[in-house]
C-alpha atoms as a PDB file:
ATOM      1  CA  MET A   1      -0.104   0.035   0.047  1.00  0.00           C
ATOM      2  CA  LEU A   2       1.344   3.462  -1.059  1.00  0.00           C
ATOM      3  CA  THR A   3       0.262   5.226   2.175  1.00  0.00           C
ATOM      4  CA  LYS A   4       2.931   7.971   1.837  1.00  0.00           C
ATOM      5  CA  PHE A   5       2.138   9.185  -1.904  1.00  0.00           C
ATOM      6  CA  ASN A   6      -0.776  11.277  -0.972  1.00  0.00           C
ATOM      7  CA  THR A   7       0.525  13.394   1.971  1.00  0.00           C
ATOM      8  CA  TYR A   8      -2.981  15.063   2.621  1.00  0.00           C
ATOM      9  CA  ILE A   9      -4.586  11.731   3.889  1.00  0.00           C
ATOM     10  CA  PRO A  10      -3.281  11.797   7.398  1.00  0.00           C
ATOM     11  CA  ASN A  11      -4.415  15.331   7.975  1.00  0.00           C
ATOM     12  CA  ILE A  12      -8.067  14.990   6.899  1.00  0.00           C
ATOM     13  CA  ASP A  13     -11.075  13.520   8.665  1.00  0.00           C
ATOM     14  CA  TYR A  14     -10.792  10.262   6.877  1.00  0.00           C
ATOM     15  CA  VAL A  15     -13.281   8.327   8.987  1.00  0.00           C
ATOM     16  CA  ALA A  16     -16.185  10.886   7.989  1.00  0.00           C
ATOM     17  CA  MET A  17     -15.523  10.919   4.527  1.00  0.00           C
ATOM     18  CA  LYS A  18     -15.036   7.246   4.276  1.00  0.00           C
ATOM     19  CA  GLU A  19     -18.340   6.697   6.223  1.00  0.00           C
ATOM     20  CA  LEU A  20     -20.208   9.065   3.997  1.00  0.00           C
ATOM     21  CA  CYS A  21     -19.157   6.968   0.715  1.00  0.00           C
ATOM     22  CA  LEU A  22     -19.873   3.732   2.385  1.00  0.00           C
ATOM     23  CA  SER A  23     -23.282   4.754   3.842  1.00  0.00           C
ATOM     24  CA  ARG A  24     -24.721   7.142   1.114  1.00  0.00           C
ATOM     25  CA  GLY A  25     -22.948   5.921  -1.780  1.00  0.00           C
ATOM     26  CA  LYS A  26     -22.922   2.951  -4.360  1.00  0.00           C
ATOM     27  CA  THR A  27     -20.282   0.518  -5.284  1.00  0.00           C
ATOM     28  CA  ILE A  28     -18.762   0.620  -8.556  1.00  0.00           C
ATOM     29  CA  GLN A  29     -16.443  -1.808 -10.266  1.00  0.00           C
ATOM     30  CA  PHE A  30     -14.050  -0.155 -12.876  1.00  0.00           C
ATOM     31  CA  ARG A  31     -11.854  -2.191 -15.370  1.00  0.00           C
ATOM     32  CA  LYS A  32      -8.432  -1.199 -16.310  1.00  0.00           C
ATOM     33  CA  GLY A  33      -8.730   1.852 -18.541  1.00  0.00           C
ATOM     34  CA  ASP A  34     -12.369   2.929 -17.419  1.00  0.00           C
ATOM     35  CA  PHE A  35     -12.638   6.416 -16.774  1.00  0.00           C
ATOM     36  CA  PHE A  36     -13.857   7.943 -13.379  1.00  0.00           C
ATOM     37  CA  VAL A  37     -14.224  11.406 -15.274  1.00  0.00           C
ATOM     38  CA  LYS A  38     -12.807  12.546 -18.290  1.00  0.00           C
ATOM     39  CA  ALA A  39     -11.392  16.079 -18.981  1.00  0.00           C
ATOM     40  CA  GLY A  40     -14.202  18.603 -20.139  1.00  0.00           C
ATOM     41  CA  GLU A  41     -16.951  16.583 -18.028  1.00  0.00           C
ATOM     42  CA  VAL A  42     -18.384  17.956 -14.814  1.00  0.00           C
ATOM     43  CA  SER A  43     -17.945  15.344 -12.027  1.00  0.00           C
ATOM     44  CA  HIS A  44     -20.698  14.976  -9.615  1.00  0.00           C
ATOM     45  CA  TYR A  45     -19.216  12.362  -7.451  1.00  0.00           C
ATOM     46  CA  ILE A  46     -16.397  11.463  -4.745  1.00  0.00           C
ATOM     47  CA  GLY A  47     -15.315   8.087  -4.017  1.00  0.00           C
ATOM     48  CA  TYR A  48     -13.485   5.928  -1.564  1.00  0.00           C
ATOM     49  CA  VAL A  49     -11.301   3.615  -3.284  1.00  0.00           C
ATOM     50  CA  GLU A  50     -11.612  -0.099  -1.901  1.00  0.00           C
ATOM     51  CA  SER A  51      -9.251  -1.571  -4.145  1.00  0.00           C
ATOM     52  CA  GLY A  52      -7.107  -0.445  -7.329  1.00  0.00           C
ATOM     53  CA  ILE A  53      -5.267   2.400  -8.649  1.00  0.00           C
ATOM     54  CA  PHE A  54      -6.266   5.516 -10.656  1.00  0.00           C
ATOM     55  CA  ARG A  55      -4.109   8.241 -12.486  1.00  0.00           C
ATOM     56  CA  TYR A  56      -4.930  11.625 -12.911  1.00  0.00           C
ATOM     57  CA  SER A  57      -3.598  13.101 -16.197  1.00  0.00           C
ATOM     58  CA  VAL A  58      -3.721  16.203 -18.413  1.00  0.00           C
ATOM     59  CA  PHE A  59      -3.314  16.537 -22.134  1.00  0.00           C
ATOM     60  CA  ASN A  60      -0.720  19.034 -23.331  1.00  0.00           C
ATOM     61  CA  ALA A  61      -1.872  20.196 -26.899  1.00  0.00           C
ATOM     62  CA  THR A  62       1.399  21.967 -27.817  1.00  0.00           C
ATOM     63  CA  GLU A  63       3.251  18.583 -27.260  1.00  0.00           C
ATOM     64  CA  GLY A  64       0.487  16.336 -28.296  1.00  0.00           C
ATOM     65  CA  LYS A  65       0.759  14.129 -25.228  1.00  0.00           C
ATOM     66  CA  SER A  66      -0.613  13.345 -21.753  1.00  0.00           C
ATOM     67  CA  TYR A  67       1.215  13.593 -18.328  1.00  0.00           C
ATOM     68  CA  ASN A  68       0.233  12.070 -15.285  1.00  0.00           C
ATOM     69  CA  ILE A  69      -0.150  14.696 -12.543  1.00  0.00           C
ATOM     70  CA  GLY A  70      -1.272  12.134  -9.525  1.00  0.00           C
ATOM     71  CA  PHE A  71      -2.357   8.834  -8.371  1.00  0.00           C
ATOM     72  CA  THR A  72      -4.849   7.563  -6.174  1.00  0.00           C
ATOM     73  CA  PHE A  73      -4.418   4.235  -4.290  1.00  0.00           C
ATOM     74  CA  LYS A  74      -6.412   1.660  -2.233  1.00  0.00           C
ATOM     75  CA  ASP A  75      -7.832   3.263   0.918  1.00  0.00           C
ATOM     76  CA  GLU A  76      -7.829   6.698  -0.540  1.00  0.00           C
ATOM     77  CA  PHE A  77     -10.312   9.068  -2.108  1.00  0.00           C
ATOM     78  CA  ILE A  78     -10.913   9.849  -5.872  1.00  0.00           C
ATOM     79  CA  ALA A  79     -12.464  13.020  -7.197  1.00  0.00           C
ATOM     80  CA  ASP A  80     -12.002  15.947  -9.360  1.00  0.00           C
ATOM     81  CA  TYR A  81     -12.418  17.924  -6.413  1.00  0.00           C
ATOM     82  CA  PRO A  82     -12.747  21.608  -7.759  1.00  0.00           C
ATOM     83  CA  GLY A  83     -15.110  20.245 -10.291  1.00  0.00           C
ATOM     84  CA  CYS A  84     -17.498  18.401  -8.091  1.00  0.00           C
ATOM     85  CA  ILE A  85     -17.415  21.150  -5.483  1.00  0.00           C
ATOM     86  CA  TYR A  86     -17.953  24.194  -7.824  1.00  0.00           C
ATOM     87  CA  GLY A  87     -19.714  22.388 -10.858  1.00  0.00           C
ATOM     88  CA  MET A  88     -16.724  22.892 -13.198  1.00  0.00           C
ATOM     89  CA  PRO A  89     -15.714  20.847 -15.949  1.00  0.00           C
ATOM     90  CA  SER A  90     -12.762  18.542 -14.999  1.00  0.00           C
ATOM     91  CA  LYS A  91      -9.206  19.764 -16.128  1.00  0.00           C
ATOM     92  CA  THR A  92      -8.092  16.168 -15.802  1.00  0.00           C
ATOM     93  CA  ASP A  93      -8.922  12.539 -17.003  1.00  0.00           C
ATOM     94  CA  ILE A  94      -9.281  10.362 -13.954  1.00  0.00           C
ATOM     95  CA  GLN A  95      -8.656   6.544 -15.199  1.00  0.00           C
ATOM     96  CA  ALA A  96      -8.200   2.996 -13.709  1.00  0.00           C
ATOM     97  CA  LEU A  97      -4.710   1.785 -14.064  1.00  0.00           C
ATOM     98  CA  LYS A  98      -6.025  -1.612 -12.854  1.00  0.00           C
ATOM     99  CA  ALA A  99      -9.333  -3.332 -11.983  1.00  0.00           C
ATOM    100  CA  SER A 100     -10.757  -1.198  -8.999  1.00  0.00           C
ATOM    101  CA  ILE A 101     -13.777  -1.003  -6.660  1.00  0.00           C
ATOM    102  CA  VAL A 102     -14.862   2.363  -5.716  1.00  0.00           C
ATOM    103  CA  HIS A 103     -17.771   3.361  -3.302  1.00  0.00           C
ATOM    104  CA  ILE A 104     -19.175   6.784  -4.926  1.00  0.00           C
ATOM    105  CA  CYS A 105     -21.343   9.224  -3.425  1.00  0.00           C
ATOM    106  CA  LYS A 106     -22.873  12.554  -4.758  1.00  0.00           C
ATOM    107  CA  ALA A 107     -20.730  15.661  -4.398  1.00  0.00           C
ATOM    108  CA  GLU A 108     -23.897  17.086  -2.802  1.00  0.00           C
ATOM    109  CA  ASP A 109     -23.632  14.516   0.100  1.00  0.00           C
ATOM    110  CA  LEU A 110     -20.174  15.898   0.680  1.00  0.00           C
ATOM    111  CA  ALA A 111     -21.485  19.354   0.731  1.00  0.00           C
ATOM    112  CA  GLU A 112     -24.061  18.464   3.283  1.00  0.00           C
ATOM    113  CA  LEU A 113     -21.339  16.818   5.292  1.00  0.00           C
ATOM    114  CA  TYR A 114     -19.495  20.141   5.332  1.00  0.00           C
ATOM    115  CA  GLU A 115     -22.303  22.106   6.379  1.00  0.00           C
ATOM    116  CA  GLU A 116     -23.744  19.866   9.316  1.00  0.00           C
ATOM    117  CA  THR A 117     -21.408  21.450  12.039  1.00  0.00           C
ATOM    118  CA  ALA A 118     -18.858  24.021  12.486  1.00  0.00           C
ATOM    119  CA  ASN A 119     -16.488  21.045  12.884  1.00  0.00           C
ATOM    120  CA  LYS A 120     -17.477  19.678   9.478  1.00  0.00           C
ATOM    121  CA  TYR A 121     -16.919  23.020   8.051  1.00  0.00           C
ATOM    122  CA  LYS A 122     -13.378  23.044   9.230  1.00  0.00           C
ATOM    123  CA  LEU A 123     -13.155  19.574   7.496  1.00  0.00           C
ATOM    124  CA  ALA A 124     -13.804  21.194   4.259  1.00  0.00           C
ATOM    125  CA  ARG A 125     -11.325  24.016   4.911  1.00  0.00           C
ATOM    126  CA  ILE A 126      -8.509  21.301   5.908  1.00  0.00           C
ATOM    127  CA  ASN A 127      -9.218  19.130   2.890  1.00  0.00           C
ATOM    128  CA  ALA A 128      -8.708  22.266   0.716  1.00  0.00           C
ATOM    129  CA  GLU A 129      -5.796  23.208   2.575  1.00  0.00           C
ATOM    130  CA  GLN A 130      -4.143  20.110   2.366  1.00  0.00           C
ATOM    131  CA  LEU A 131      -4.804  19.331  -1.292  1.00  0.00           C
ATOM    132  CA  PHE A 132      -3.463  22.772  -2.002  1.00  0.00           C
ATOM    133  CA  LEU A 133      -0.101  22.003   0.032  1.00  0.00           C
ATOM    134  CA  GLN A 134       0.282  18.862  -1.860  1.00  0.00           C
ATOM    135  CA  THR A 135      -0.171  20.403  -5.285  1.00  0.00           C
ATOM    136  CA  TRP A 136       2.094  23.566  -4.150  1.00  0.00           C
ATOM    137  CA  SER A 137       5.012  21.183  -3.144  1.00  0.00           C
ATOM    138  CA  ARG A 138       4.737  19.139  -6.305  1.00  0.00           C
ATOM    139  CA  TYR A 139       4.675  22.435  -8.225  1.00  0.00           C
ATOM    140  CA  VAL A 140       7.780  23.700  -6.459  1.00  0.00           C
ATOM    141  CA  GLU A 141       9.620  20.433  -6.942  1.00  0.00           C
ATOM    142  CA  MET A 142       9.170  20.529 -10.730  1.00  0.00           C
ATOM    143  CA  TYR A 143      10.868  23.691 -11.045  1.00  0.00           C
ATOM    144  CA  SER A 144      13.650  23.469  -8.177  1.00  0.00           C
ATOM    145  CA  LEU A 145      14.747  19.777  -8.671  1.00  0.00           C
ATOM    146  CA  PRO A 146      16.222  17.881 -11.327  1.00  0.00           C
ATOM    147  CA  PRO A 147      14.711  14.791 -12.798  1.00  0.00           C
ATOM    148  CA  GLU A 148      17.006  12.645 -10.657  1.00  0.00           C
ATOM    149  CA  GLU A 149      16.316  14.293  -7.598  1.00  0.00           C
ATOM    150  CA  ARG A 150      12.536  13.991  -8.195  1.00  0.00           C
ATOM    151  CA  TYR A 151      12.819  10.280  -8.689  1.00  0.00           C
ATOM    152  CA  LYS A 152      14.883   9.618  -5.730  1.00  0.00           C
ATOM    153  CA  LYS A 153      12.524  11.651  -3.507  1.00  0.00           C
ATOM    154  CA  LEU A 154       9.625   9.549  -4.854  1.00  0.00           C
ATOM    155  CA  LEU A 155      11.300   6.468  -4.245  1.00  0.00           C
ATOM    156  CA  ASN A 156      12.250   7.850  -0.692  1.00  0.00           C
ATOM    157  CA  LYS A 157       8.693   8.442   0.068  1.00  0.00           C
ATOM    158  CA  CYS A 158       7.165   5.424  -1.768  1.00  0.00           C
ATOM    159  CA  PRO A 159       9.847   2.771  -2.109  1.00  0.00           C
ATOM    160  CA  ASP A 160       7.055   0.260  -3.241  1.00  0.00           C
ATOM    161  CA  ILE A 161       5.589   2.564  -5.961  1.00  0.00           C
ATOM    162  CA  LEU A 162       7.803   0.626  -8.698  1.00  0.00           C
ATOM    163  CA  GLN A 163       5.795  -2.611  -7.768  1.00  0.00           C
ATOM    164  CA  GLU A 164       2.387  -0.938  -8.210  1.00  0.00           C
ATOM    165  CA  ILE A 165       2.721   1.520 -11.138  1.00  0.00           C
ATOM    166  CA  PRO A 166       4.311   0.944 -14.540  1.00  0.00           C
ATOM    167  CA  LEU A 167       7.752   2.639 -15.098  1.00  0.00           C
ATOM    168  CA  LYS A 168       6.143   4.791 -18.129  1.00  0.00           C
ATOM    169  CA  GLU A 169       3.303   6.024 -15.793  1.00  0.00           C
ATOM    170  CA  ILE A 170       5.876   7.122 -13.172  1.00  0.00           C
ATOM    171  CA  ALA A 171       8.179   8.742 -16.076  1.00  0.00           C
ATOM    172  CA  SER A 172       5.069  10.639 -17.091  1.00  0.00           C
ATOM    173  CA  TYR A 173       4.405  11.791 -13.445  1.00  0.00           C
ATOM    174  CA  LEU A 174       8.113  13.001 -13.289  1.00  0.00           C
ATOM    175  CA  LYS A 175       7.634  14.702 -16.494  1.00  0.00           C
ATOM    176  CA  ILE A 176      10.395  12.913 -18.232  1.00  0.00           C
ATOM    177  CA  THR A 177      10.657  10.369 -20.921  1.00  0.00           C
ATOM    178  CA  PRO A 178      10.747   6.495 -20.317  1.00  0.00           C
ATOM    179  CA  THR A 179      14.199   6.587 -21.646  1.00  0.00           C
ATOM    180  CA  HIS A 180      15.522   9.307 -19.649  1.00  0.00           C
ATOM    181  CA  MET A 181      14.146   7.387 -16.594  1.00  0.00           C
ATOM    182  CA  SER A 182      15.991   4.214 -17.630  1.00  0.00           C
ATOM    183  CA  ARG A 183      19.228   6.265 -17.638  1.00  0.00           C
ATOM    184  CA  ILE A 184      18.485   7.687 -14.212  1.00  0.00           C
ATOM    185  CA  ARG A 185      17.778   4.327 -12.770  1.00  0.00           C
ATOM    186  CA  LYS A 186      20.823   2.694 -14.718  1.00  0.00           C
ATOM    187  CA  LYS A 187      23.003   5.707 -13.116  1.00  0.00           C
ATOM    188  CA  LEU A 188      21.653   5.248  -9.566  1.00  0.00           C
ATOM    189  CA  LEU A 189      22.261   1.356  -9.788  1.00  0.00           C
ATOM    190  CA  ASN A 190      25.967   2.044 -10.772  1.00  0.00           C
ATOM    191  CA  ASP A 191      26.432   4.524  -8.068  1.00  0.00           C
ATOM    192  CA  LYS A 192      25.596   1.947  -5.579  1.00  0.00           C
END
């Protein structure tokens, strides 16, 4: 399990959101390649991932290719958070990398949870802050660290990611080519 990849998870009220998805939601099975949401669509759901892995990707029209910008794993949450909270079209594709089971509920249910008490309002704020912090940290790393350092940092944070995610998907996440990633891996093995 890649519990350290999405660093916001330990800092949110995980139990309340999980209970919401399990109690008010429905269970959906995704095959490898199925979409949770496609870019341009408005997503009206959040989900608790019981099993499987999803990737978040964006298409760069200038380069004519997609880049992975994130992943969601077992025991985590899946959503186009800005889209489902504000009713905006998704900027990302969210797609299953392998067969997955997700308990989904409507974004309105999450909004109701946020409005129930002052403590739940705090939940909404903390969720948004934690997602922002993770995104901001990744953004800064993309500009401040060379690819080799980003790769090493990812492996230090999630040593088992290579067993869960194909190398080409990790290369895309690091915004490097698979060939460049192979050179980095070879260099690191030779440096040992």
